[in-house]
Amino acid sequence: MLKNRALAVDIDMRTIILTVSFAFLALALTACSSNYDDSATPGMTDPFENVNRAVFKFNEVVDDAVINPVIDGYRYVVPRPARTGVSNFLDNLQSPVYLFNHVLQGDAQGAARVTLRAIVNTMVGFGGVFDFAGAEGYEHAPEDFGQTLGVWGVDHGPYIVVPILGPSSARDYAGYFIDSFADPLRWYAFNVGEEHLYYTKTGARYLELRNSLKDNLEELQASSIDYYASVRSSYYQVREGVITDRAATAAEQDMVPSFPDYGDF
């Protein structure tokens, strides 16, 4: 048993090193690509466009062959109210990560709202299946470390399309890994040898995300001359919108954390 626990600790340390290394690599890429600009979308960087387009095409094939049929089956088997309950439950599980990022962004009101939502929905919403807090006006405000880095002034860095996972930026993928590592469920599951709990949650969140995006993406694809460019533009517009809102909230509270300007490196 001691040997197994030592192995688990060793694996976890390797995960820590990998996560931190990925974060620094992403930030380094952000700095190196800061002078690259797409005139069609201010602030956009896509220095790996040829590779990204190839991966994007691969993802389209996977979507058509696997992901979309799975989502269609999920929608057929699980009625809409139940799917809403699943989404609410997964969001409630993510509350500690949202709280972590609200605090780092200096958003005291957001931190209080997330805490209240988690308490109310966990206690009277059957673990978060029902969003009673939202019905009372305490709106859902998900936050991730990519947004936190954006509020701190870190640029997107290069646009990256990853097989299966899809499009993001170097900054936001770094944020994703940090959020994954900071998730209390991950720490609990790995410490008690129940890693499947965390992997199940991760898979369910991916399925729910793709389910929520499917209709919009199909609409975008049907109306786009260049689907790749449209997805890229939409991604940046959405991310800039949420980051601008959070930065304004933090600035109003005079609590924006200082952070080095990586564009100067």
Protein backbone atom coordinates (compact mmCIF):
# COMPACT_ATOMS: atom_id res chain seq x y z
CA MET A 1 0.00 0.00 0.00
CA LEU A 2 2.85 2.37 0.86
CA LYS A 3 4.42 1.61 -2.50
CA ASN A 4 1.15 2.43 -4.29
CA ARG A 5 0.78 5.68 -2.35
CA ALA A 6 4.36 6.65 -3.15
CA LEU A 7 3.67 5.95 -6.83
CA ALA A 8 0.55 8.12 -6.69
CA VAL A 9 2.52 10.97 -5.12
CA ASP A 10 5.21 10.61 -7.79
CA ILE A 11 2.61 10.74 -10.56
CA ASP A 12 1.01 13.78 -8.94
CA MET A 13 4.36 15.57 -8.74
CA ARG A 14 4.91 14.89 -12.42
CA THR A 15 1.47 16.35 -13.10
CA ILE A 16 2.40 19.49 -11.15
CA ILE A 17 5.63 19.90 -13.09
CA LEU A 18 3.85 19.32 -16.42
CA THR A 19 1.10 21.81 -15.57
CA VAL A 20 3.46 24.56 -14.47
CA SER A 21 5.73 23.94 -17.47
CA PHE A 22 2.78 24.17 -19.85
CA ALA A 23 1.65 27.43 -18.25
CA PHE A 24 5.10 29.02 -18.63
CA LEU A 25 5.38 27.73 -22.22
CA ALA A 26 2.01 29.25 -23.08
CA LEU A 27 2.98 32.59 -21.56
CA ALA A 28 6.29 32.49 -23.43
CA LEU A 29 4.41 31.89 -26.68
CA THR A 30 2.18 34.83 -25.78
CA ALA A 31 5.22 37.08 -25.45
CA CYS A 32 6.86 35.84 -28.65
CA SER A 33 3.73 36.34 -30.75
CA SER A 34 2.73 39.73 -29.38
CA ASN A 35 3.77 41.55 -32.57
CA TYR A 36 1.68 39.35 -34.88
CA ASP A 37 -1.68 40.88 -35.77
CA ASP A 38 -4.66 39.96 -37.92
CA SER A 39 -6.11 43.19 -39.28
CA ALA A 40 -9.57 41.64 -39.55
CA THR A 41 -9.71 41.08 -35.81
CA PRO A 42 -7.67 43.50 -33.66
CA GLY A 43 -5.47 41.71 -31.15
CA MET A 44 -5.81 38.32 -32.81
CA THR A 45 -2.74 36.14 -33.29
CA ASP A 46 -2.68 33.08 -35.52
CA PRO A 47 0.95 32.43 -36.50
CA PHE A 48 0.28 28.67 -36.80
CA GLU A 49 -2.68 29.04 -39.16
CA ASN A 50 -1.67 26.34 -41.64
CA VAL A 51 -1.27 23.74 -38.90
CA ASN A 52 -4.39 24.97 -37.13
CA ARG A 53 -6.46 24.63 -40.30
CA ALA A 54 -5.28 21.05 -40.77
CA VAL A 55 -6.19 20.16 -37.18
CA PHE A 56 -9.50 22.01 -37.58
CA LYS A 57 -10.33 19.83 -40.60
CA PHE A 58 -9.43 16.72 -38.62
CA ASN A 59 -11.72 17.84 -35.79
CA GLU A 60 -14.56 18.36 -38.27
CA VAL A 61 -14.19 14.75 -39.40
CA VAL A 62 -14.17 13.53 -35.78
CA ASP A 63 -17.19 15.69 -35.00
CA ASP A 64 -19.18 14.29 -37.92
CA ALA A 65 -18.16 10.69 -37.25
CA VAL A 66 -18.20 10.56 -33.44
CA ILE A 67 -18.96 13.69 -31.40
CA ASN A 68 -22.17 14.86 -33.08
CA PRO A 69 -23.75 11.37 -33.24
CA VAL A 70 -22.98 10.96 -29.52
CA ILE A 71 -24.61 14.32 -28.78
CA ASP A 72 -27.62 13.42 -30.91
CA GLY A 73 -27.95 10.16 -28.98
CA TYR A 74 -27.60 12.01 -25.68
CA ARG A 75 -30.37 14.41 -26.68
CA TYR A 76 -32.59 11.55 -27.82
CA VAL A 77 -32.18 9.53 -24.63
CA VAL A 78 -32.06 12.36 -22.09
CA PRO A 79 -34.95 14.87 -22.16
CA ARG A 80 -34.18 18.60 -22.06
CA PRO A 81 -35.11 19.15 -18.37
CA ALA A 82 -32.77 16.32 -17.36
CA ARG A 83 -29.98 17.75 -19.53
CA THR A 84 -30.47 21.11 -17.80
CA GLY A 85 -30.16 19.32 -14.45
CA VAL A 86 -26.92 17.67 -15.56
CA SER A 87 -25.53 21.03 -16.67
CA ASN A 88 -26.54 22.65 -13.36
CA PHE A 89 -24.95 19.82 -11.37
CA LEU A 90 -21.65 20.04 -13.24
CA ASP A 91 -21.56 23.83 -12.84
CA ASN A 92 -22.17 23.45 -9.12
CA LEU A 93 -19.26 21.00 -8.86
CA GLN A 94 -17.08 23.63 -10.52
CA SER A 95 -17.99 26.29 -7.94
CA PRO A 96 -14.66 26.11 -6.02
CA VAL A 97 -12.77 26.84 -9.26
CA TYR A 98 -15.10 29.75 -10.06
CA LEU A 99 -14.58 31.10 -6.54
CA PHE A 100 -10.81 30.75 -6.87
CA ASN A 101 -10.83 32.89 -10.01
CA HIS A 102 -13.24 35.51 -8.69
CA VAL A 103 -10.92 36.03 -5.73
CA LEU A 104 -7.83 36.28 -7.97
CA GLN A 105 -9.64 38.84 -10.11
CA GLY A 106 -10.50 40.93 -7.08
CA ASP A 107 -14.23 40.49 -7.67
CA ALA A 108 -15.60 40.36 -4.12
CA GLN A 109 -19.23 40.51 -5.25
CA GLY A 110 -18.69 37.68 -7.70
CA ALA A 111 -16.97 35.58 -5.03
CA ALA A 112 -19.87 36.14 -2.63
CA ARG A 113 -22.41 35.28 -5.34
CA VAL A 114 -20.63 32.04 -6.28
CA THR A 115 -20.43 31.03 -2.62
CA LEU A 116 -24.10 31.76 -2.04
CA ARG A 117 -25.12 29.90 -5.19
CA ALA A 118 -23.08 26.84 -4.18
CA ILE A 119 -24.57 26.75 -0.67
CA VAL A 120 -28.17 27.26 -1.76
CA ASN A 121 -28.09 24.92 -4.75
CA THR A 122 -26.20 22.19 -2.91
CA MET A 123 -28.50 22.25 0.13
CA VAL A 124 -31.92 22.74 -1.46
CA GLY A 125 -31.20 22.03 -5.12
CA PHE A 126 -30.29 18.37 -4.67
CA GLY A 127 -26.57 18.93 -5.07
CA GLY A 128 -27.04 21.60 -7.71
CA VAL A 129 -29.40 19.77 -10.06
CA PHE A 130 -31.91 22.60 -9.58
CA ASP A 131 -30.70 26.19 -9.84
CA PHE A 132 -32.83 27.78 -7.11
CA ALA A 133 -30.26 30.53 -6.57
CA GLY A 134 -30.51 31.54 -10.23
CA ALA A 135 -34.29 31.66 -9.98
CA GLU A 136 -33.89 34.15 -7.12
CA GLY A 137 -31.72 36.46 -9.23
CA TYR A 138 -28.24 35.21 -8.29
CA GLU A 139 -27.02 34.62 -11.81
CA HIS A 140 -24.48 32.02 -12.85
CA ALA A 141 -21.05 33.62 -13.39
CA PRO A 142 -18.46 31.02 -14.42
CA GLU A 143 -14.84 32.13 -14.28
CA ASP A 144 -11.68 30.40 -15.43
CA PHE A 145 -7.97 31.13 -15.03
CA GLY A 146 -7.71 32.17 -18.67
CA GLN A 147 -10.12 34.99 -17.87
CA THR A 148 -8.12 35.78 -14.75
CA LEU A 149 -4.94 36.10 -16.79
CA GLY A 150 -6.82 38.34 -19.22
CA VAL A 151 -8.01 40.59 -16.37
CA TRP A 152 -4.39 40.77 -15.20
CA GLY A 153 -3.38 42.05 -18.64
CA VAL A 154 -1.89 38.91 -20.21
CA ASP A 155 -2.47 38.79 -23.98
CA HIS A 156 -4.14 35.86 -25.72
CA GLY A 157 -0.94 34.65 -27.34
CA PRO A 158 -1.22 32.49 -30.44
CA TYR A 159 -4.49 30.89 -31.45
CA ILE A 160 -4.22 27.12 -31.11
CA VAL A 161 -6.47 24.34 -32.41
CA VAL A 162 -5.92 21.10 -30.48
CA PRO A 163 -7.14 17.71 -31.74
CA ILE A 164 -10.53 16.81 -30.19
CA LEU A 165 -10.39 19.66 -27.64
CA GLY A 166 -10.74 22.32 -30.31
CA PRO A 167 -9.78 26.00 -30.59
CA SER A 168 -8.43 28.23 -27.86
CA SER A 169 -5.45 30.48 -27.20
CA ALA A 170 -2.15 29.75 -25.49
CA ARG A 171 -3.26 31.83 -22.52
CA ASP A 172 -6.63 30.12 -22.21
CA TYR A 173 -5.19 26.62 -22.56
CA ALA A 174 -2.70 27.47 -19.80
CA GLY A 175 -5.66 28.63 -17.73
CA TYR A 176 -7.49 25.38 -18.43
CA PHE A 177 -4.61 23.32 -17.06
CA ILE A 178 -4.29 25.50 -13.98
CA ASP A 179 -8.03 25.21 -13.30
CA SER A 180 -7.85 21.44 -13.72
CA PHE A 181 -5.01 21.19 -11.25
CA ALA A 182 -6.74 23.53 -8.74
CA ASP A 183 -10.02 21.57 -8.78
CA PRO A 184 -10.65 20.18 -5.25
CA LEU A 185 -12.42 17.14 -6.74
CA ARG A 186 -9.22 16.25 -8.56
CA TRP A 187 -7.18 16.46 -5.37
CA TYR A 188 -9.70 14.33 -3.49
CA ALA A 189 -10.07 11.72 -6.24
CA PHE A 190 -6.32 11.29 -6.74
CA ASN A 191 -5.61 11.14 -3.00
CA VAL A 192 -8.13 8.34 -2.36
CA GLY A 193 -7.32 6.36 -5.49
CA GLU A 194 -10.64 7.20 -7.20
CA GLU A 195 -9.24 9.01 -10.22
CA HIS A 196 -12.18 7.83 -12.31
CA LEU A 197 -14.41 10.34 -10.47
CA TYR A 198 -12.41 13.25 -11.82
CA TYR A 199 -12.10 11.79 -15.31
CA THR A 200 -15.86 11.12 -15.38
CA LYS A 201 -16.56 14.73 -14.42
CA THR A 202 -14.14 15.99 -17.08
CA GLY A 203 -15.74 13.85 -19.77
CA ALA A 204 -19.24 14.90 -18.73
CA ARG A 205 -18.26 18.58 -18.83
CA TYR A 206 -16.79 18.15 -22.31
CA LEU A 207 -19.97 16.44 -23.53
CA GLU A 208 -22.14 19.17 -21.99
CA LEU A 209 -19.98 21.91 -23.52
CA ARG A 210 -20.20 20.35 -26.97
CA ASN A 211 -23.93 19.86 -26.53
CA SER A 212 -24.36 23.56 -25.71
CA LEU A 213 -22.30 24.63 -28.74
CA LYS A 214 -23.59 22.19 -31.35
CA ASP A 215 -26.54 24.17 -32.73
CA ASN A 216 -24.65 27.48 -32.84
CA LEU A 217 -21.68 25.90 -34.59
CA GLU A 218 -23.89 24.24 -37.19
CA GLU A 219 -25.57 27.59 -37.83
CA LEU A 220 -22.20 29.32 -38.11
CA GLN A 221 -20.89 26.67 -40.50
CA ALA A 222 -23.94 26.97 -42.76
CA SER A 223 -23.63 30.75 -42.99
CA SER A 224 -19.84 31.05 -43.29
CA ILE A 225 -17.70 31.33 -46.39
CA ASP A 226 -14.65 30.45 -44.28
CA TYR A 227 -15.81 28.36 -41.30
CA TYR A 228 -12.36 28.28 -39.72
CA ALA A 229 -12.05 32.08 -39.74
CA SER A 230 -15.59 32.49 -38.43
CA VAL A 231 -14.96 30.16 -35.48
CA ARG A 232 -11.69 31.93 -34.72
CA SER A 233 -13.34 35.35 -34.79
CA SER A 234 -16.29 34.19 -32.67
CA TYR A 235 -13.96 32.67 -30.10
CA TYR A 236 -11.99 35.86 -29.63
CA GLN A 237 -15.10 38.04 -29.50
CA VAL A 238 -16.68 35.91 -26.79
CA ARG A 239 -13.49 35.73 -24.72
CA GLU A 240 -12.79 39.45 -25.05
CA GLY A 241 -16.37 40.19 -23.97
CA VAL A 242 -16.23 38.21 -20.73
CA ILE A 243 -12.72 39.44 -19.88
CA THR A 244 -13.62 43.09 -20.51
CA ASP A 245 -16.65 42.75 -18.23
CA ARG A 246 -14.59 41.20 -15.43
CA ALA A 247 -11.76 43.71 -15.80
CA ALA A 248 -14.25 46.57 -15.55
CA THR A 249 -15.82 45.04 -12.44
CA ALA A 250 -12.44 44.65 -10.75
CA ALA A 251 -11.37 48.17 -11.74
CA GLU A 252 -14.54 49.63 -10.25
CA GLN A 253 -13.61 47.96 -6.96
CA ASP A 254 -9.98 49.17 -7.20
CA MET A 255 -8.82 45.58 -6.78
CA VAL A 256 -7.13 44.71 -10.09
CA PRO A 257 -4.01 42.65 -9.24
CA SER A 258 -0.73 43.87 -10.68
CA PHE A 259 0.94 41.55 -13.18
CA PRO A 260 4.05 41.89 -15.35
CA ASP A 261 3.55 42.97 -18.94
CA TYR A 262 4.73 39.94 -20.92
CA GLY A 263 4.70 42.01 -24.10
CA ASP A 264 7.85 43.78 -22.83
CA PHE A 265 9.92 40.58 -22.66
